[in-house]
């Protein structure tokens, strides 16, 4: 598949700020195909904001946080990622600055809870079974909580990394975004190692599947990878944030191709500035959290 060179701004794009038509360094995004909306971790506004995907909405709606920066149960502190628990109709949020993972009900505004404490969480994903996977940025690992363990105070099981900070195949260095497939294979944006790692279920070490060739902007390199999506056939889409581009690494490939961006850092419709979050909508249009442009860009299929 190929995408149009020029993106359309579907959220933010009105400079940085805290108004409902603005974003301030957005990080993780989650597309709800059913409701045709996008949830955005509006990091420096310490809130989660929901925006309709119709391309005509001139403002979003605050659905979590937005009560100032803090550690009360009704506050967030630098949220970095958000997902929707469709079964429970609630949001699960990486509340990075508070070192916790929290749940906010979308149906009952008073229903909020801390699911995991004392974790330097950056990215998260829930599989079809309802198991929760979280990247632990500070401890250089990815952890898993089975559905019936979530919110029970358990430590979780390390399923990738956890062998100290480093660049060996059994190590990670500040992991950010993660993707988990149906077989529980875990893909990790291993940010400081400039690579994407793939860990099969139960494996003691991972495989480099993108980057890992040092810092640079060649097609076989990544620079601080973040947002991550893997399709049904195993092609990896990754936000190559410091190269201001989105890359696709086909399964088994030694190098990637530029999907969108890659036209220098800037705020043009064909440019990005530190892209972080990455997702596809129901039509396979590519949605990107264009962090330093304080906007969400959607690139249509060409």
Protein backbone atom coordinates (compact mmCIF):
# COMPACT_ATOMS: atom_id res chain seq x y z
CA UNK A 1 0.00 0.00 0.00
CA UNK A 2 1.02 3.58 -0.60
CA UNK A 3 -0.16 6.76 1.04
CA UNK A 4 -0.58 10.30 -0.22
CA UNK A 5 2.42 12.56 0.28
CA UNK A 6 0.34 15.32 1.87
CA UNK A 7 -1.43 14.81 5.17
CA UNK A 8 -4.62 16.40 6.44
CA UNK A 9 -4.70 17.85 9.95
CA UNK A 10 -7.55 16.15 11.82
CA UNK A 11 -6.77 17.41 15.35
CA UNK A 12 -4.85 20.39 16.70
CA UNK A 13 -2.67 22.33 14.29
CA UNK A 14 -3.49 25.63 15.99
CA UNK A 15 -0.17 26.09 17.74
CA UNK A 16 0.55 24.71 21.18
CA UNK A 17 -1.83 25.49 24.03
CA UNK A 18 -4.55 24.19 26.28
CA UNK A 19 -7.69 25.22 24.38
CA UNK A 20 -10.00 22.51 23.02
CA UNK A 21 -8.78 23.18 19.48
CA UNK A 22 -5.13 22.83 20.50
CA UNK A 23 -2.67 20.12 21.48
CA UNK A 24 0.63 20.39 23.36
CA UNK A 25 3.21 17.72 22.41
CA UNK A 26 0.78 14.84 21.66
CA UNK A 27 2.29 11.36 22.10
CA UNK A 28 0.25 8.15 21.89
CA UNK A 29 -2.98 7.83 19.86
CA UNK A 30 -5.71 5.21 19.66
CA UNK A 31 -8.30 5.00 16.87
CA UNK A 32 -11.75 3.69 17.83
CA UNK A 33 -13.05 2.24 14.55
CA UNK A 34 -16.58 1.75 15.87
CA UNK A 35 -17.08 5.29 17.18
CA UNK A 36 -15.02 6.85 14.36
CA UNK A 37 -12.94 8.89 16.78
CA UNK A 38 -9.36 9.16 17.97
CA UNK A 39 -8.10 9.33 21.56
CA UNK A 40 -4.96 11.42 21.99
CA UNK A 41 -2.49 11.46 24.88
CA UNK A 42 -2.12 15.26 24.99
CA UNK A 43 1.01 14.98 27.06
CA UNK A 44 1.92 18.50 28.12
CA UNK A 45 -1.74 19.37 28.72
CA UNK A 46 -1.94 16.40 31.11
CA UNK A 47 -5.13 15.13 29.52
CA UNK A 48 -6.65 12.66 27.10
CA UNK A 49 -8.67 14.33 24.40
CA UNK A 50 -11.14 12.67 22.04
CA UNK A 51 -11.54 14.00 18.52
CA UNK A 52 -14.01 12.91 15.83
CA UNK A 53 -12.43 11.49 12.69
CA UNK A 54 -14.78 13.26 10.29
CA UNK A 55 -12.06 15.77 9.37
CA UNK A 56 -14.47 18.61 10.09
CA UNK A 57 -14.27 18.80 13.90
CA UNK A 58 -12.66 22.07 14.97
CA UNK A 59 -12.20 20.98 18.60
CA UNK A 60 -11.90 17.93 20.80
CA UNK A 61 -13.48 16.79 24.06
CA UNK A 62 -11.52 16.12 27.26
CA UNK A 63 -12.25 12.57 28.43
CA UNK A 64 -9.54 12.13 31.10
CA UNK A 65 -7.38 14.54 33.08
CA UNK A 66 -7.60 18.20 32.19
CA UNK A 67 -7.60 19.10 35.89
CA UNK A 68 -4.07 20.43 35.96
CA UNK A 69 -0.83 18.52 36.43
CA UNK A 70 -0.89 16.41 39.58
CA UNK A 71 -1.20 13.00 41.19
CA UNK A 72 -4.77 13.05 42.44
CA UNK A 73 -6.99 10.30 41.04
CA UNK A 74 -8.69 12.89 38.79
CA UNK A 75 -5.37 14.22 37.45
CA UNK A 76 -2.71 13.08 35.01
CA UNK A 77 0.97 13.95 34.80
CA UNK A 78 2.57 13.66 31.35
CA UNK A 79 0.40 10.85 29.93
CA UNK A 80 2.32 9.17 27.12
CA UNK A 81 -0.08 6.55 25.77
CA UNK A 82 -3.75 5.59 25.80
CA UNK A 83 -5.78 2.57 24.70
CA UNK A 84 -9.45 1.70 24.79
CA UNK A 85 -10.62 -1.34 26.73
CA UNK A 86 -13.64 -1.96 24.53
CA UNK A 87 -15.14 -4.61 26.82
CA UNK A 88 -15.07 -2.37 29.89
CA UNK A 89 -15.77 0.84 27.95
CA UNK A 90 -12.86 2.55 29.63
CA UNK A 91 -9.53 4.14 28.79
CA UNK A 92 -6.25 2.71 30.05
CA UNK A 93 -3.58 5.39 30.30
CA UNK A 94 0.20 5.46 30.80
CA UNK A 95 0.39 8.20 33.44
CA UNK A 96 4.14 8.47 32.98
CA UNK A 97 4.86 11.40 35.31
CA UNK A 98 2.98 9.68 38.14
CA UNK A 99 4.67 6.31 37.48
CA UNK A 100 1.36 4.49 37.18
CA UNK A 101 -1.14 2.97 34.77
CA UNK A 102 -4.70 4.17 35.36
CA UNK A 103 -8.18 3.34 34.11
CA UNK A 104 -10.86 5.97 33.46
CA UNK A 105 -14.41 4.85 32.70
CA UNK A 106 -16.01 6.50 29.66
CA UNK A 107 -19.50 5.84 31.05
CA UNK A 108 -19.13 6.88 34.69
CA UNK A 109 -16.91 9.95 35.32
CA UNK A 110 -16.48 8.94 38.98
CA UNK A 111 -15.14 5.49 38.09
CA UNK A 112 -11.34 5.79 38.05
CA UNK A 113 -8.70 3.46 39.42
CA UNK A 114 -4.95 2.88 39.56
CA UNK A 115 -4.21 -0.44 37.84
CA UNK A 116 -0.42 -0.58 38.22
CA UNK A 117 1.78 1.46 40.56
CA UNK A 118 5.49 2.27 40.58
CA UNK A 119 6.15 1.68 36.89
CA UNK A 120 7.88 4.02 34.47
CA UNK A 121 5.32 3.19 31.78
CA UNK A 122 5.64 4.60 28.26
CA UNK A 123 3.60 2.43 25.89
CA UNK A 124 0.85 -0.12 26.34
CA UNK A 125 -1.32 -2.57 24.46
CA UNK A 126 -4.13 -4.96 25.32
CA UNK A 127 -4.58 -8.17 23.34
CA UNK A 128 -7.87 -9.81 22.37
CA UNK A 129 -7.89 -11.83 25.61
CA UNK A 130 -7.78 -8.65 27.70
CA UNK A 131 -4.16 -9.18 28.85
CA UNK A 132 -2.22 -5.95 29.35
CA UNK A 133 1.33 -5.35 28.09
CA UNK A 134 3.32 -2.32 29.29
CA UNK A 135 6.79 -1.03 28.42
CA UNK A 136 8.82 -0.11 31.51
CA UNK A 137 11.06 2.68 30.24
CA UNK A 138 13.28 2.90 33.29
CA UNK A 139 13.74 -0.84 33.83
CA UNK A 140 14.33 -1.52 30.12
CA UNK A 141 11.65 -4.21 29.89
CA UNK A 142 8.15 -5.08 28.71
CA UNK A 143 5.79 -6.62 31.26
CA UNK A 144 2.55 -8.56 30.98
CA UNK A 145 -0.45 -8.77 33.27
CA UNK A 146 -3.04 -11.44 32.50
CA UNK A 147 -6.64 -10.22 32.41
CA UNK A 148 -7.46 -11.47 35.93
CA UNK A 149 -4.23 -9.97 37.38
CA UNK A 150 -4.84 -6.39 36.27
CA UNK A 151 -5.42 -4.02 39.19
CA UNK A 152 -4.58 -6.65 41.81
CA UNK A 153 -1.24 -5.11 42.80
CA UNK A 154 0.94 -7.76 41.13
CA UNK A 155 4.37 -7.07 39.66
CA UNK A 156 3.61 -8.48 36.22
CA UNK A 157 5.80 -10.91 34.26
CA UNK A 158 8.76 -9.68 32.19
CA UNK A 159 8.22 -10.78 28.58
CA UNK A 160 11.00 -8.78 26.87
CA UNK A 161 14.24 -7.28 28.15
CA UNK A 162 14.69 -7.03 31.90
CA UNK A 163 18.41 -7.78 31.75
CA UNK A 164 19.63 -4.27 32.46
CA UNK A 165 20.25 -1.45 30.05
CA UNK A 166 22.24 -2.46 26.99
CA UNK A 167 22.25 -3.41 23.33
CA UNK A 168 22.62 -7.19 23.56
CA UNK A 169 19.79 -9.27 22.08
CA UNK A 170 18.40 -9.97 25.56
CA UNK A 171 18.47 -6.28 26.52
CA UNK A 172 16.58 -3.09 25.78
CA UNK A 173 17.48 0.56 26.24
CA UNK A 174 14.53 2.82 27.09
CA UNK A 175 11.75 0.93 25.28
CA UNK A 176 8.83 3.11 24.20
CA UNK A 177 5.93 1.83 22.08
CA UNK A 178 4.97 -1.82 21.78
CA UNK A 179 2.81 -4.01 19.58
CA UNK A 180 1.58 -7.51 20.44
CA UNK A 181 0.19 -9.92 17.84
CA UNK A 182 -2.23 -12.83 18.26
CA UNK A 183 0.59 -15.28 19.03
CA UNK A 184 1.81 -12.94 21.80
CA UNK A 185 4.89 -12.05 19.78
CA UNK A 186 6.04 -8.70 21.15
CA UNK A 187 7.48 -5.93 18.99
CA UNK A 188 9.31 -3.15 20.86
CA UNK A 189 10.59 0.23 19.77
CA UNK A 190 13.99 0.03 21.47
CA UNK A 191 14.49 3.77 21.35
CA UNK A 192 18.05 4.38 22.54
CA UNK A 193 19.31 1.33 20.61
CA UNK A 194 17.72 2.78 17.43
CA UNK A 195 16.05 -0.50 16.56
CA UNK A 196 12.81 -2.47 16.67
CA UNK A 197 13.00 -5.83 18.45
CA UNK A 198 10.76 -8.86 18.01
CA UNK A 199 10.38 -11.28 20.93
CA UNK A 200 8.54 -14.54 20.39
CA UNK A 201 6.40 -15.72 23.29
CA UNK A 202 8.63 -17.26 25.95
CA UNK A 203 11.89 -16.29 24.20
CA UNK A 204 14.92 -15.34 26.29
CA UNK A 205 16.17 -12.88 23.66
CA UNK A 206 14.81 -10.87 20.77
CA UNK A 207 15.56 -10.46 17.06
CA UNK A 208 16.38 -7.14 15.42
CA UNK A 209 13.69 -6.57 12.78
CA UNK A 210 14.30 -2.88 11.94
CA UNK A 211 17.25 -0.55 12.40
CA UNK A 212 20.08 -1.58 14.68
CA UNK A 213 22.66 -0.07 12.31
CA UNK A 214 23.51 2.92 14.49
CA UNK A 215 22.23 6.48 14.36
CA UNK A 216 21.44 7.84 10.90
CA UNK A 217 18.85 8.41 8.21
CA UNK A 218 19.77 5.71 5.71
CA UNK A 219 17.01 3.27 4.79
CA UNK A 220 18.56 0.61 7.04
CA UNK A 221 18.70 2.95 10.04
CA UNK A 222 16.33 4.42 12.61
CA UNK A 223 16.73 7.38 14.91
CA UNK A 224 14.76 7.13 18.16
CA UNK A 225 11.90 4.88 16.97
CA UNK A 226 8.57 5.28 18.76
CA UNK A 227 5.02 4.53 17.50
CA UNK A 228 4.68 0.97 16.21
CA UNK A 229 2.06 -1.02 14.27
CA UNK A 230 2.54 -4.46 12.71
CA UNK A 231 0.08 -5.69 10.07
CA UNK A 232 -1.30 -9.21 9.55
CA UNK A 233 1.59 -10.29 7.32
CA UNK A 234 4.30 -8.99 9.67
CA UNK A 235 5.22 -5.71 7.97
CA UNK A 236 6.41 -3.20 10.58
CA UNK A 237 5.32 0.43 10.53
CA UNK A 238 7.38 2.62 12.83
CA UNK A 239 7.58 6.32 13.67
CA UNK A 240 11.23 7.15 13.01
CA UNK A 241 10.89 10.20 15.18
CA UNK A 242 14.25 11.97 14.91
CA UNK A 243 14.27 11.41 11.15
CA UNK A 244 10.77 12.96 10.94
CA UNK A 245 9.36 10.12 8.87
CA UNK A 246 7.24 6.98 9.07
CA UNK A 247 8.95 3.83 7.82
CA UNK A 248 7.67 0.45 6.67
CA UNK A 249 9.97 -2.54 7.08
CA UNK A 250 8.51 -5.49 5.18
CA UNK A 251 8.82 -8.87 6.91
CA UNK A 252 12.40 -10.12 6.64
CA UNK A 253 13.71 -6.97 4.97
CA UNK A 254 17.17 -5.52 5.69
CA UNK A 255 15.92 -2.00 5.10
CA UNK A 256 12.73 0.02 5.18
CA UNK A 257 10.99 2.41 2.87
CA UNK A 258 9.72 5.87 3.70
CA UNK A 259 5.91 5.81 3.89
CA UNK A 260 5.22 9.45 4.77
CA UNK A 261 7.39 12.40 5.78
CA UNK A 262 11.12 12.24 5.20
CA UNK A 263 11.04 15.70 3.61
CA UNK A 264 13.00 17.40 6.37
CA UNK A 265 11.67 18.64 9.66
CA UNK A 266 8.87 21.15 9.16
CA UNK A 267 5.18 21.94 9.35
CA UNK A 268 4.26 21.53 5.70
CA UNK A 269 1.54 19.03 4.78
CA UNK A 270 4.26 16.66 3.49
CA UNK A 271 6.46 17.13 6.55
CA UNK A 272 6.57 15.95 10.17
CA UNK A 273 8.37 17.18 13.26
CA UNK A 274 9.18 14.42 15.76
CA UNK A 275 6.34 12.00 14.97
CA UNK A 276 5.48 9.73 17.91
CA UNK A 277 2.07 8.02 17.92
CA UNK A 278 1.00 5.86 15.00
CA UNK A 279 -2.27 4.16 14.10
CA UNK A 280 -4.46 3.14 11.16
CA UNK A 281 -8.13 4.02 10.85
CA UNK A 282 -10.81 1.65 9.49
CA UNK A 283 -9.95 2.60 5.88
CA UNK A 284 -6.20 2.03 6.44
CA UNK A 285 -5.46 5.74 6.36
CA UNK A 286 -2.36 6.44 8.42
CA UNK A 287 -2.78 8.64 11.52
CA UNK A 288 0.33 10.22 13.04
CA UNK A 289 0.85 12.20 16.25
CA UNK A 290 3.06 14.95 14.83
CA UNK A 291 4.38 15.88 18.26
CA UNK A 292 6.35 19.08 17.76
CA UNK A 293 3.78 20.44 15.32
CA UNK A 294 1.09 19.89 17.99
CA UNK A 295 -1.23 18.18 15.55
CA UNK A 296 -2.54 14.82 14.34
CA UNK A 297 -2.01 14.18 10.64
CA UNK A 298 -3.98 11.71 8.54
CA UNK A 299 -2.47 10.42 5.29
CA UNK A 300 -4.98 8.92 2.89
CA UNK A 301 -4.32 5.81 0.82
CA UNK A 302 -3.03 6.76 -2.62
